[in-house]
Amino acid sequence: MDSDRIKWNTRYESEDSFLGERPSPFLAREIERIKALVPGLAALDIACGEGRNSLFLAQHGFRVTGLDISDRGLEKGEKRALALGLDVEFRRVDLDDCIIQGTFDLILNFNFLLRELIPSEIAALKTGGLLLFDTIMVSEQLLQSHKPSYLLQPGELPRLFGAFQGEILFSEESMSGEMPTARILFRKSPGFYEPIGFQ
C-alpha cells in the first residue's frame, strides 16, 4: 500500500537511524541459542526496516534476506551493509500482499503484526527452523496512536503459535515501559499443517 510506504519513508528520513543501529535486545540475547539450534544459516527478516537485525545476523554468518515496504529504510540498510562489508539481500515488498518465496532456517518478525502472514512464515520454515516473534502489546496509551489490530492481546502469541506443529521454546510478555511487548521463539516440527479457520 503506497500510503504505508510513504509513512515509513517519512519516518526513516526524519532521523539518521529510526530504531538505532544496535540489534533488538531479544535477538542479541538469544543469538547463541539460535546458532546452536538452527538447521542451517538461511534467514529471513520480516519488516526489516533499516536492517539492524539483518546486519546483525549477517555478522553472525547468516545468509539474510530482508523484506520491507520502505525503499528509504532499505537504502539505509544497503549502505550500512556495504560499509560493514556484509552481503544482505534487501527486497522492497508490500507485506500485506506478500507470498514468501523460498525456505529458511530462521525467520524474524519484529515490531510488525500481520496475523494472516504467520501461517506463511511457518510454512516457509525448514523442518527444525526457528521463528522469533517480538512485537508490541495493547495498552491504553498505545490505543491512542495505534490501530487495535496492530497490537497483540495478552496471551495471544502462545495461543496463535500453539495451533501449529512445533514447539514453543520460549515465551514472555513484558508490560513495563511505554511499549509493552510479547515475544516467542518457535521451532517447527515435521508434519507442519495450517490450522483450519486460522484467524
N, C-alpha and C. Protein backbone atom coordinates (compact mmCIF):
# COMPACT_ATOMS: atom_id res chain seq x y z
N MET A 1 0.85 -1.18 0.00
CA MET A 1 0.00 0.00 0.00
C MET A 1 0.89 1.24 0.00
N ASP A 2 0.63 2.14 -0.96
CA ASP A 2 1.52 3.29 -1.14
C ASP A 2 1.52 4.21 0.08
N SER A 3 0.39 4.33 0.76
CA SER A 3 0.35 5.19 1.94
C SER A 3 1.27 4.67 3.03
N ASP A 4 1.36 3.35 3.18
CA ASP A 4 2.28 2.77 4.17
C ASP A 4 3.73 3.05 3.77
N ARG A 5 4.03 2.91 2.49
CA ARG A 5 5.40 3.17 2.03
C ARG A 5 5.79 4.62 2.32
N ILE A 6 4.88 5.55 2.03
CA ILE A 6 5.15 6.97 2.26
C ILE A 6 5.33 7.24 3.75
N LYS A 7 4.47 6.66 4.57
CA LYS A 7 4.55 6.86 6.03
C LYS A 7 5.91 6.41 6.55
N TRP A 8 6.33 5.21 6.15
CA TRP A 8 7.60 4.69 6.68
C TRP A 8 8.81 5.40 6.06
N ASN A 9 8.70 5.78 4.81
CA ASN A 9 9.79 6.56 4.22
C ASN A 9 9.99 7.86 4.99
N THR A 10 8.90 8.52 5.35
CA THR A 10 8.97 9.77 6.11
C THR A 10 9.64 9.54 7.46
N ARG A 11 9.29 8.46 8.12
CA ARG A 11 9.90 8.17 9.43
C ARG A 11 11.39 7.90 9.29
N TYR A 12 11.77 7.11 8.30
CA TYR A 12 13.19 6.77 8.15
C TYR A 12 14.01 7.95 7.66
N GLU A 13 13.39 8.89 6.96
CA GLU A 13 14.10 10.08 6.52
C GLU A 13 14.27 11.10 7.64
N SER A 14 13.46 10.99 8.70
CA SER A 14 13.46 12.00 9.75
C SER A 14 14.65 11.90 10.68
N GLU A 15 15.29 10.74 10.74
CA GLU A 15 16.41 10.53 11.65
C GLU A 15 17.49 9.72 10.96
N ASP A 16 18.72 9.84 11.47
CA ASP A 16 19.81 9.04 10.92
C ASP A 16 19.50 7.56 11.04
N SER A 17 18.93 7.18 12.18
CA SER A 17 18.56 5.78 12.40
C SER A 17 17.32 5.76 13.28
N PHE A 18 16.20 5.31 12.72
CA PHE A 18 14.91 5.41 13.40
C PHE A 18 14.87 4.58 14.69
N LEU A 19 15.34 3.34 14.62
CA LEU A 19 15.36 2.46 15.80
C LEU A 19 16.77 2.21 16.33
N GLY A 20 17.73 2.95 15.82
CA GLY A 20 19.11 2.74 16.24
C GLY A 20 19.77 1.67 15.39
N GLU A 21 21.08 1.59 15.51
CA GLU A 21 21.83 0.62 14.71
C GLU A 21 22.07 -0.69 15.45
N ARG A 22 21.83 -0.70 16.73
CA ARG A 22 22.02 -1.93 17.50
C ARG A 22 20.86 -2.90 17.25
N PRO A 23 21.10 -4.20 17.30
CA PRO A 23 20.02 -5.17 17.07
C PRO A 23 19.02 -5.16 18.22
N SER A 24 17.89 -5.78 17.98
CA SER A 24 16.91 -5.98 19.04
C SER A 24 17.56 -6.64 20.25
N PRO A 25 17.32 -6.15 21.45
CA PRO A 25 17.89 -6.81 22.64
C PRO A 25 17.51 -8.28 22.75
N PHE A 26 16.29 -8.63 22.34
CA PHE A 26 15.84 -10.02 22.37
C PHE A 26 16.69 -10.87 21.45
N LEU A 27 16.94 -10.38 20.23
CA LEU A 27 17.76 -11.12 19.28
C LEU A 27 19.19 -11.25 19.79
N ALA A 28 19.75 -10.16 20.29
CA ALA A 28 21.12 -10.19 20.79
C ALA A 28 21.25 -11.17 21.96
N ARG A 29 20.22 -11.20 22.80
CA ARG A 29 20.24 -12.10 23.95
C ARG A 29 20.16 -13.57 23.55
N GLU A 30 19.41 -13.84 22.48
CA GLU A 30 19.14 -15.22 22.09
C GLU A 30 20.05 -15.75 20.99
N ILE A 31 20.97 -14.94 20.48
CA ILE A 31 21.70 -15.33 19.27
C ILE A 31 22.50 -16.61 19.44
N GLU A 32 23.12 -16.83 20.57
CA GLU A 32 23.90 -18.06 20.74
C GLU A 32 23.01 -19.29 20.78
N ARG A 33 21.86 -19.19 21.44
CA ARG A 33 20.91 -20.30 21.43
C ARG A 33 20.41 -20.55 20.01
N ILE A 34 20.12 -19.49 19.28
CA ILE A 34 19.66 -19.62 17.90
C ILE A 34 20.70 -20.35 17.06
N LYS A 35 21.94 -19.92 17.14
CA LYS A 35 23.00 -20.54 16.33
C LYS A 35 23.18 -22.01 16.67
N ALA A 36 22.94 -22.36 17.92
CA ALA A 36 23.07 -23.76 18.32
C ALA A 36 21.90 -24.62 17.83
N LEU A 37 20.76 -24.00 17.56
CA LEU A 37 19.55 -24.76 17.23
C LEU A 37 19.19 -24.78 15.76
N VAL A 38 19.55 -23.75 15.01
CA VAL A 38 19.09 -23.68 13.62
C VAL A 38 19.71 -24.80 12.78
N PRO A 39 18.93 -25.36 11.84
CA PRO A 39 19.46 -26.42 10.99
C PRO A 39 20.39 -25.90 9.90
N GLY A 40 20.35 -24.61 9.62
CA GLY A 40 21.20 -24.00 8.59
C GLY A 40 21.27 -22.51 8.80
N LEU A 41 21.75 -21.79 7.81
CA LEU A 41 22.04 -20.36 8.00
C LEU A 41 21.26 -19.43 7.07
N ALA A 42 20.20 -19.92 6.45
CA ALA A 42 19.37 -19.05 5.61
C ALA A 42 18.34 -18.36 6.50
N ALA A 43 18.35 -17.02 6.48
CA ALA A 43 17.48 -16.25 7.38
C ALA A 43 16.64 -15.25 6.61
N LEU A 44 15.44 -15.00 7.12
CA LEU A 44 14.52 -14.02 6.56
C LEU A 44 14.13 -13.05 7.66
N ASP A 45 14.23 -11.75 7.36
CA ASP A 45 13.88 -10.70 8.32
C ASP A 45 12.65 -9.97 7.78
N ILE A 46 11.49 -10.23 8.42
CA ILE A 46 10.22 -9.64 8.01
C ILE A 46 10.13 -8.22 8.55
N ALA A 47 9.73 -7.26 7.70
CA ALA A 47 9.62 -5.85 8.10
C ALA A 47 10.95 -5.38 8.71
N CYS A 48 12.00 -5.52 7.92
CA CYS A 48 13.36 -5.31 8.43
C CYS A 48 13.72 -3.85 8.63
N GLY A 49 12.94 -2.91 8.09
CA GLY A 49 13.23 -1.50 8.28
C GLY A 49 14.58 -1.11 7.70
N GLU A 50 15.42 -0.54 8.54
CA GLU A 50 16.76 -0.11 8.12
C GLU A 50 17.79 -1.24 8.23
N GLY A 51 17.32 -2.44 8.58
CA GLY A 51 18.18 -3.61 8.50
C GLY A 51 19.05 -3.90 9.71
N ARG A 52 18.75 -3.31 10.86
CA ARG A 52 19.63 -3.51 12.02
C ARG A 52 19.74 -4.99 12.41
N ASN A 53 18.63 -5.71 12.38
CA ASN A 53 18.68 -7.13 12.74
C ASN A 53 19.24 -7.98 11.61
N SER A 54 18.95 -7.61 10.37
CA SER A 54 19.51 -8.32 9.22
C SER A 54 21.03 -8.26 9.25
N LEU A 55 21.57 -7.08 9.51
CA LEU A 55 23.02 -6.90 9.54
C LEU A 55 23.65 -7.67 10.70
N PHE A 56 22.96 -7.67 11.83
CA PHE A 56 23.47 -8.42 12.98
C PHE A 56 23.55 -9.91 12.66
N LEU A 57 22.52 -10.44 12.02
CA LEU A 57 22.54 -11.86 11.64
C LEU A 57 23.66 -12.14 10.64
N ALA A 58 23.84 -11.23 9.68
CA ALA A 58 24.91 -11.42 8.69
C ALA A 58 26.27 -11.42 9.38
N GLN A 59 26.44 -10.62 10.39
CA GLN A 59 27.70 -10.61 11.15
C GLN A 59 27.93 -11.93 11.87
N HIS A 60 26.86 -12.68 12.09
CA HIS A 60 26.96 -13.99 12.75
C HIS A 60 26.91 -15.14 11.74
N GLY A 61 27.14 -14.83 10.48
CA GLY A 61 27.30 -15.89 9.48
C GLY A 61 26.05 -16.29 8.73
N PHE A 62 24.92 -15.63 8.98
CA PHE A 62 23.69 -15.98 8.27
C PHE A 62 23.66 -15.36 6.89
N ARG A 63 23.00 -16.05 5.96
CA ARG A 63 22.69 -15.51 4.63
C ARG A 63 21.29 -14.90 4.73
N VAL A 64 21.20 -13.59 4.71
CA VAL A 64 19.98 -12.91 5.13
C VAL A 64 19.27 -12.25 3.96
N THR A 65 17.94 -12.42 3.95
CA THR A 65 17.06 -11.65 3.08
C THR A 65 16.18 -10.78 3.97
N GLY A 66 16.18 -9.48 3.72
CA GLY A 66 15.35 -8.56 4.49
C GLY A 66 14.24 -8.00 3.63
N LEU A 67 13.01 -8.03 4.15
CA LEU A 67 11.84 -7.54 3.42
C LEU A 67 11.26 -6.32 4.12
N ASP A 68 10.90 -5.30 3.34
CA ASP A 68 10.24 -4.13 3.92
C ASP A 68 9.55 -3.34 2.81
N ILE A 69 8.58 -2.54 3.19
CA ILE A 69 7.86 -1.71 2.22
C ILE A 69 8.58 -0.40 1.93
N SER A 70 9.48 0.01 2.81
CA SER A 70 10.12 1.33 2.71
C SER A 70 11.41 1.27 1.90
N ASP A 71 11.43 1.92 0.74
CA ASP A 71 12.67 1.96 -0.03
C ASP A 71 13.73 2.79 0.68
N ARG A 72 13.32 3.81 1.46
CA ARG A 72 14.30 4.61 2.20
C ARG A 72 14.97 3.79 3.29
N GLY A 73 14.18 3.01 4.01
CA GLY A 73 14.77 2.14 5.03
C GLY A 73 15.72 1.14 4.44
N LEU A 74 15.33 0.53 3.32
CA LEU A 74 16.18 -0.47 2.67
C LEU A 74 17.46 0.16 2.13
N GLU A 75 17.35 1.38 1.61
CA GLU A 75 18.56 2.07 1.13
C GLU A 75 19.56 2.26 2.27
N LYS A 76 19.06 2.62 3.43
CA LYS A 76 19.94 2.77 4.60
C LYS A 76 20.59 1.45 4.97
N GLY A 77 19.79 0.38 4.92
CA GLY A 77 20.34 -0.94 5.22
C GLY A 77 21.42 -1.34 4.24
N GLU A 78 21.19 -1.07 2.95
CA GLU A 78 22.18 -1.41 1.92
C GLU A 78 23.47 -0.63 2.12
N LYS A 79 23.37 0.64 2.47
CA LYS A 79 24.56 1.46 2.70
C LYS A 79 25.36 0.95 3.90
N ARG A 80 24.66 0.59 4.95
CA ARG A 80 25.35 0.06 6.13
C ARG A 80 25.99 -1.29 5.83
N ALA A 81 25.30 -2.14 5.07
CA ALA A 81 25.86 -3.44 4.71
C ALA A 81 27.15 -3.24 3.91
N LEU A 82 27.12 -2.30 2.97
CA LEU A 82 28.30 -2.03 2.15
C LEU A 82 29.45 -1.53 3.03
N ALA A 83 29.14 -0.62 3.95
CA ALA A 83 30.17 -0.07 4.82
C ALA A 83 30.78 -1.13 5.72
N LEU A 84 29.98 -2.13 6.11
CA LEU A 84 30.45 -3.19 7.00
C LEU A 84 31.01 -4.38 6.24
N GLY A 85 30.93 -4.35 4.91
CA GLY A 85 31.42 -5.47 4.12
C GLY A 85 30.55 -6.71 4.24
N LEU A 86 29.24 -6.50 4.39
CA LEU A 86 28.30 -7.61 4.57
C LEU A 86 27.43 -7.77 3.33
N ASP A 87 27.05 -9.00 3.06
CA ASP A 87 26.20 -9.31 1.91
C ASP A 87 24.80 -9.65 2.41
N VAL A 88 23.88 -8.70 2.30
CA VAL A 88 22.48 -8.90 2.70
C VAL A 88 21.61 -8.55 1.51
N GLU A 89 20.65 -9.40 1.21
CA GLU A 89 19.71 -9.12 0.12
C GLU A 89 18.49 -8.41 0.69
N PHE A 90 18.31 -7.15 0.31
CA PHE A 90 17.15 -6.38 0.74
C PHE A 90 16.16 -6.31 -0.41
N ARG A 91 14.88 -6.58 -0.10
CA ARG A 91 13.82 -6.55 -1.12
C ARG A 91 12.67 -5.66 -0.65
N ARG A 92 12.19 -4.80 -1.53
CA ARG A 92 11.01 -3.99 -1.19
C ARG A 92 9.76 -4.77 -1.56
N VAL A 93 8.92 -5.03 -0.58
CA VAL A 93 7.66 -5.74 -0.79
C VAL A 93 6.58 -5.13 0.10
N ASP A 94 5.36 -5.24 -0.35
CA ASP A 94 4.20 -4.90 0.48
C ASP A 94 3.79 -6.19 1.19
N LEU A 95 4.04 -6.25 2.48
CA LEU A 95 3.80 -7.48 3.23
C LEU A 95 2.31 -7.83 3.30
N ASP A 96 1.44 -6.86 3.07
CA ASP A 96 0.00 -7.17 3.04
C ASP A 96 -0.34 -8.12 1.90
N ASP A 97 0.46 -8.09 0.84
CA ASP A 97 0.20 -8.93 -0.34
C ASP A 97 1.34 -9.92 -0.60
N CYS A 98 2.18 -10.13 0.40
CA CYS A 98 3.41 -10.89 0.19
C CYS A 98 3.16 -12.40 0.21
N ILE A 99 3.76 -13.08 -0.76
CA ILE A 99 3.87 -14.54 -0.72
C ILE A 99 5.35 -14.84 -0.51
N ILE A 100 5.67 -15.45 0.61
CA ILE A 100 7.07 -15.68 0.94
C ILE A 100 7.65 -16.73 0.00
N GLN A 101 8.72 -16.36 -0.67
CA GLN A 101 9.39 -17.25 -1.61
C GLN A 101 10.57 -17.93 -0.92
N GLY A 102 10.72 -19.22 -1.14
CA GLY A 102 11.86 -19.95 -0.59
C GLY A 102 11.58 -20.51 0.80
N THR A 103 12.60 -21.19 1.33
CA THR A 103 12.51 -21.73 2.69
C THR A 103 13.71 -21.25 3.48
N PHE A 104 13.51 -21.17 4.80
CA PHE A 104 14.51 -20.54 5.66
C PHE A 104 14.70 -21.34 6.95
N ASP A 105 15.90 -21.23 7.48
CA ASP A 105 16.23 -21.86 8.76
C ASP A 105 15.84 -20.98 9.94
N LEU A 106 15.76 -19.69 9.69
CA LEU A 106 15.43 -18.72 10.73
C LEU A 106 14.61 -17.60 10.11
N ILE A 107 13.51 -17.25 10.78
CA ILE A 107 12.69 -16.11 10.36
C ILE A 107 12.49 -15.19 11.56
N LEU A 108 12.72 -13.90 11.35
CA LEU A 108 12.46 -12.88 12.36
C LEU A 108 11.21 -12.11 11.99
N ASN A 109 10.38 -11.84 12.98
CA ASN A 109 9.22 -10.95 12.81
C ASN A 109 9.20 -10.03 14.02
N PHE A 110 9.82 -8.87 13.86
CA PHE A 110 9.97 -7.93 14.97
C PHE A 110 9.24 -6.62 14.66
N ASN A 111 8.55 -6.09 15.65
CA ASN A 111 7.87 -4.80 15.55
C ASN A 111 6.92 -4.74 14.36
N PHE A 112 6.24 -5.83 14.12
CA PHE A 112 5.30 -5.91 13.00
C PHE A 112 4.29 -7.00 13.30
N LEU A 113 3.00 -6.70 13.04
CA LEU A 113 1.97 -7.69 13.32
C LEU A 113 0.99 -7.76 12.16
N LEU A 114 1.03 -8.87 11.45
CA LEU A 114 0.05 -9.20 10.43
C LEU A 114 -0.29 -10.68 10.66
N ARG A 115 -1.33 -10.89 11.41
CA ARG A 115 -1.67 -12.26 11.83
C ARG A 115 -1.83 -13.21 10.64
N GLU A 116 -2.36 -12.68 9.54
CA GLU A 116 -2.61 -13.51 8.37
C GLU A 116 -1.32 -14.02 7.74
N LEU A 117 -0.19 -13.40 8.05
CA LEU A 117 1.09 -13.80 7.46
C LEU A 117 1.75 -14.94 8.25
N ILE A 118 1.34 -15.14 9.49
CA ILE A 118 2.01 -16.12 10.35
C ILE A 118 2.01 -17.53 9.74
N PRO A 119 0.88 -18.05 9.21
CA PRO A 119 0.95 -19.38 8.61
C PRO A 119 1.95 -19.48 7.46
N SER A 120 2.07 -18.41 6.66
CA SER A 120 3.05 -18.41 5.56
C SER A 120 4.47 -18.41 6.09
N GLU A 121 4.69 -17.68 7.18
CA GLU A 121 6.02 -17.67 7.79
C GLU A 121 6.41 -19.06 8.26
N ILE A 122 5.50 -19.72 8.94
CA ILE A 122 5.81 -21.05 9.44
C ILE A 122 5.95 -22.04 8.28
N ALA A 123 5.13 -21.89 7.26
CA ALA A 123 5.25 -22.76 6.09
C ALA A 123 6.61 -22.58 5.42
N ALA A 124 7.18 -21.38 5.49
CA ALA A 124 8.47 -21.10 4.85
C ALA A 124 9.66 -21.56 5.69
N LEU A 125 9.40 -22.02 6.92
CA LEU A 125 10.47 -22.56 7.75
C LEU A 125 10.82 -23.97 7.32
N LYS A 126 12.09 -24.27 7.28
CA LYS A 126 12.52 -25.66 7.12
C LYS A 126 12.20 -26.43 8.40
N THR A 127 12.12 -27.74 8.29
CA THR A 127 11.93 -28.56 9.48
C THR A 127 13.05 -28.28 10.48
N GLY A 128 12.68 -28.01 11.71
CA GLY A 128 13.66 -27.66 12.73
C GLY A 128 14.00 -26.19 12.75
N GLY A 129 13.45 -25.42 11.79
CA GLY A 129 13.73 -23.99 11.72
C GLY A 129 13.08 -23.22 12.86
N LEU A 130 13.61 -22.03 13.09
CA LEU A 130 13.15 -21.20 14.20
C LEU A 130 12.47 -19.95 13.69
N LEU A 131 11.44 -19.52 14.41
CA LEU A 131 10.79 -18.24 14.17
C LEU A 131 10.81 -17.44 15.45
N LEU A 132 11.43 -16.26 15.40
CA LEU A 132 11.42 -15.35 16.54
C LEU A 132 10.41 -14.25 16.25
N PHE A 133 9.50 -14.06 17.18
CA PHE A 133 8.43 -13.09 17.02
C PHE A 133 8.47 -12.17 18.22
N ASP A 134 8.50 -10.86 17.97
CA ASP A 134 8.63 -9.88 19.05
C ASP A 134 7.93 -8.60 18.62
N THR A 135 6.78 -8.30 19.21
CA THR A 135 6.08 -7.07 18.82
C THR A 135 5.27 -6.53 19.99
N ILE A 136 4.65 -5.37 19.77
CA ILE A 136 4.04 -4.66 20.89
C ILE A 136 2.65 -5.18 21.23
N MET A 137 2.31 -5.03 22.52
CA MET A 137 1.03 -5.45 23.05
C MET A 137 0.14 -4.24 23.28
N VAL A 138 -1.13 -4.53 23.41
CA VAL A 138 -2.11 -3.48 23.63
C VAL A 138 -1.91 -2.82 25.00
N SER A 139 -2.13 -1.52 25.04
CA SER A 139 -2.18 -0.76 26.28
C SER A 139 -3.05 0.46 26.03
N GLU A 140 -3.56 1.06 27.08
CA GLU A 140 -4.41 2.23 26.92
C GLU A 140 -3.67 3.35 26.19
N GLN A 141 -2.40 3.53 26.50
CA GLN A 141 -1.62 4.58 25.87
C GLN A 141 -1.43 4.33 24.38
N LEU A 142 -1.09 3.09 24.02
CA LEU A 142 -0.84 2.78 22.61
C LEU A 142 -2.10 2.81 21.77
N LEU A 143 -3.26 2.55 22.39
CA LEU A 143 -4.50 2.59 21.64
C LEU A 143 -4.82 3.99 21.13
N GLN A 144 -4.18 5.00 21.70
CA GLN A 144 -4.40 6.37 21.25
C GLN A 144 -3.67 6.67 19.94
N SER A 145 -2.64 5.87 19.63
CA SER A 145 -1.84 6.15 18.44
C SER A 145 -1.72 4.97 17.48
N HIS A 146 -2.24 3.81 17.83
CA HIS A 146 -2.12 2.61 17.00
C HIS A 146 -3.50 2.01 16.74
N LYS A 147 -3.64 1.38 15.58
CA LYS A 147 -4.85 0.61 15.32
C LYS A 147 -4.86 -0.61 16.24
N PRO A 148 -6.00 -0.94 16.83
CA PRO A 148 -6.06 -2.11 17.72
C PRO A 148 -5.58 -3.40 17.06
N SER A 149 -5.83 -3.53 15.74
CA SER A 149 -5.43 -4.77 15.04
C SER A 149 -3.92 -4.91 14.94
N TYR A 150 -3.16 -3.82 15.17
CA TYR A 150 -1.70 -3.87 15.12
C TYR A 150 -1.09 -4.21 16.47
N LEU A 151 -1.92 -4.47 17.46
CA LEU A 151 -1.44 -4.72 18.82
C LEU A 151 -1.86 -6.10 19.29
N LEU A 152 -0.92 -6.81 19.90
CA LEU A 152 -1.22 -8.14 20.45
C LEU A 152 -2.03 -8.02 21.74
N GLN A 153 -2.89 -8.98 21.95
CA GLN A 153 -3.61 -9.09 23.21
C GLN A 153 -2.80 -9.95 24.18
N PRO A 154 -2.98 -9.77 25.49
CA PRO A 154 -2.28 -10.63 26.45
C PRO A 154 -2.57 -12.11 26.18
N GLY A 155 -1.52 -12.91 26.17
CA GLY A 155 -1.67 -14.35 25.95
C GLY A 155 -1.91 -14.76 24.51
N GLU A 156 -1.91 -13.79 23.58
CA GLU A 156 -2.27 -14.12 22.20
C GLU A 156 -1.19 -14.90 21.46
N LEU A 157 0.08 -14.53 21.64
CA LEU A 157 1.13 -15.21 20.88
C LEU A 157 1.18 -16.71 21.15
N PRO A 158 1.21 -17.15 22.43
CA PRO A 158 1.22 -18.61 22.65
C PRO A 158 -0.01 -19.29 22.08
N ARG A 159 -1.14 -18.62 22.10
CA ARG A 159 -2.35 -19.21 21.52
C ARG A 159 -2.22 -19.35 20.01
N LEU A 160 -1.72 -18.31 19.35
CA LEU A 160 -1.56 -18.37 17.90
C LEU A 160 -0.58 -19.47 17.50
N PHE A 161 0.57 -19.50 18.15
CA PHE A 161 1.60 -20.46 17.75
C PHE A 161 1.30 -21.87 18.25
N GLY A 162 0.48 -21.98 19.27
CA GLY A 162 0.10 -23.30 19.76
C GLY A 162 -0.75 -24.08 18.78
N ALA A 163 -1.27 -23.40 17.76
CA ALA A 163 -2.09 -24.07 16.75
C ALA A 163 -1.26 -24.78 15.69
N PHE A 164 0.06 -24.60 15.72
CA PHE A 164 0.91 -25.16 14.67
C PHE A 164 1.76 -26.31 15.21
N GLN A 165 2.16 -27.18 14.27
CA GLN A 165 3.00 -28.32 14.62
C GLN A 165 4.40 -27.82 14.91
N GLY A 166 4.76 -27.81 16.17
CA GLY A 166 6.07 -27.31 16.56
C GLY A 166 6.14 -27.14 18.06
N GLU A 167 7.20 -26.51 18.49
CA GLU A 167 7.47 -26.37 19.92
C GLU A 167 7.76 -24.91 20.24
N ILE A 168 7.07 -24.41 21.24
CA ILE A 168 7.37 -23.07 21.74
C ILE A 168 8.51 -23.21 22.74
N LEU A 169 9.69 -22.73 22.35
CA LEU A 169 10.87 -22.87 23.19
C LEU A 169 10.96 -21.79 24.25
N PHE A 170 10.32 -20.66 23.98
CA PHE A 170 10.40 -19.53 24.89
C PHE A 170 9.23 -18.61 24.63
N SER A 171 8.63 -18.09 25.68
CA SER A 171 7.55 -17.12 25.54
C SER A 171 7.54 -16.21 26.74
N GLU A 172 7.39 -14.92 26.50
CA GLU A 172 7.30 -13.98 27.62
C GLU A 172 6.52 -12.75 27.20
N GLU A 173 5.95 -12.08 28.19
CA GLU A 173 5.29 -10.80 27.99
C GLU A 173 5.86 -9.82 29.00
N SER A 174 6.09 -8.59 28.55
CA SER A 174 6.60 -7.56 29.44
C SER A 174 5.70 -6.35 29.34
N MET A 175 5.10 -5.95 30.45
CA MET A 175 4.20 -4.81 30.48
C MET A 175 4.91 -3.55 30.95
N SER A 176 6.21 -3.61 31.18
CA SER A 176 6.93 -2.45 31.70
C SER A 176 7.26 -1.46 30.58
N GLY A 177 7.43 -0.20 30.95
CA GLY A 177 7.82 0.82 29.99
C GLY A 177 6.67 1.29 29.13
N GLU A 178 6.99 2.12 28.14
CA GLU A 178 5.98 2.71 27.27
C GLU A 178 5.49 1.73 26.21
N MET A 179 6.28 0.70 25.93
CA MET A 179 5.94 -0.25 24.87
C MET A 179 5.88 -1.66 25.44
N PRO A 180 4.74 -2.09 25.96
CA PRO A 180 4.63 -3.49 26.40
C PRO A 180 4.82 -4.42 25.21
N THR A 181 5.52 -5.51 25.41
CA THR A 181 5.85 -6.40 24.30
C THR A 181 5.60 -7.86 24.66
N ALA A 182 5.40 -8.64 23.61
CA ALA A 182 5.31 -10.10 23.75
C ALA A 182 6.32 -10.71 22.79
N ARG A 183 6.94 -11.81 23.24
CA ARG A 183 7.99 -12.45 22.44
C ARG A 183 7.79 -13.96 22.48
N ILE A 184 8.19 -14.60 21.39
CA ILE A 184 8.12 -16.05 21.36
C ILE A 184 9.23 -16.59 20.47
N LEU A 185 9.74 -17.75 20.82
CA LEU A 185 10.71 -18.48 19.99
C LEU A 185 10.08 -19.83 19.69
N PHE A 186 9.80 -20.06 18.41
CA PHE A 186 9.06 -21.25 17.96
C PHE A 186 9.95 -22.08 17.05
N ARG A 187 9.92 -23.40 17.25
CA ARG A 187 10.67 -24.32 16.37
C ARG A 187 9.69 -25.22 15.64
N LYS A 188 9.82 -25.29 14.34
CA LYS A 188 8.91 -26.08 13.52
C LYS A 188 9.25 -27.57 13.59
N SER A 189 8.23 -28.37 13.73
CA SER A 189 8.39 -29.82 13.76
C SER A 189 7.97 -30.41 12.42
N PRO A 190 8.37 -31.66 12.14
CA PRO A 190 7.88 -32.33 10.93
C PRO A 190 6.36 -32.43 10.96
N GLY A 191 5.75 -32.44 9.79
CA GLY A 191 4.30 -32.59 9.72
C GLY A 191 3.57 -31.28 9.90
N PHE A 192 4.20 -30.14 9.49
CA PHE A 192 3.52 -28.85 9.60
C PHE A 192 2.17 -28.90 8.92
N TYR A 193 1.20 -28.28 9.56
CA TYR A 193 -0.12 -28.11 8.93
C TYR A 193 -0.61 -26.70 9.23
N GLU A 194 -1.43 -26.19 8.32
CA GLU A 194 -2.06 -24.89 8.54
C GLU A 194 -3.42 -25.14 9.15
N PRO A 195 -3.67 -24.60 10.35
CA PRO A 195 -4.95 -24.87 11.01
C PRO A 195 -6.13 -24.36 10.18
N ILE A 196 -7.22 -25.10 10.21
CA ILE A 196 -8.43 -24.68 9.53
C ILE A 196 -9.03 -23.53 10.33
N GLY A 197 -9.40 -22.47 9.63
CA GLY A 197 -10.04 -21.35 10.29
C GLY A 197 -9.07 -20.48 11.06
N PHE A 198 -7.80 -20.49 10.72
CA PHE A 198 -6.84 -19.64 11.41
C PHE A 198 -7.23 -18.18 11.24
N GLN A 199 -7.25 -17.44 12.34
CA GLN A 199 -7.62 -16.01 12.29
C GLN A 199 -6.37 -15.18 12.49
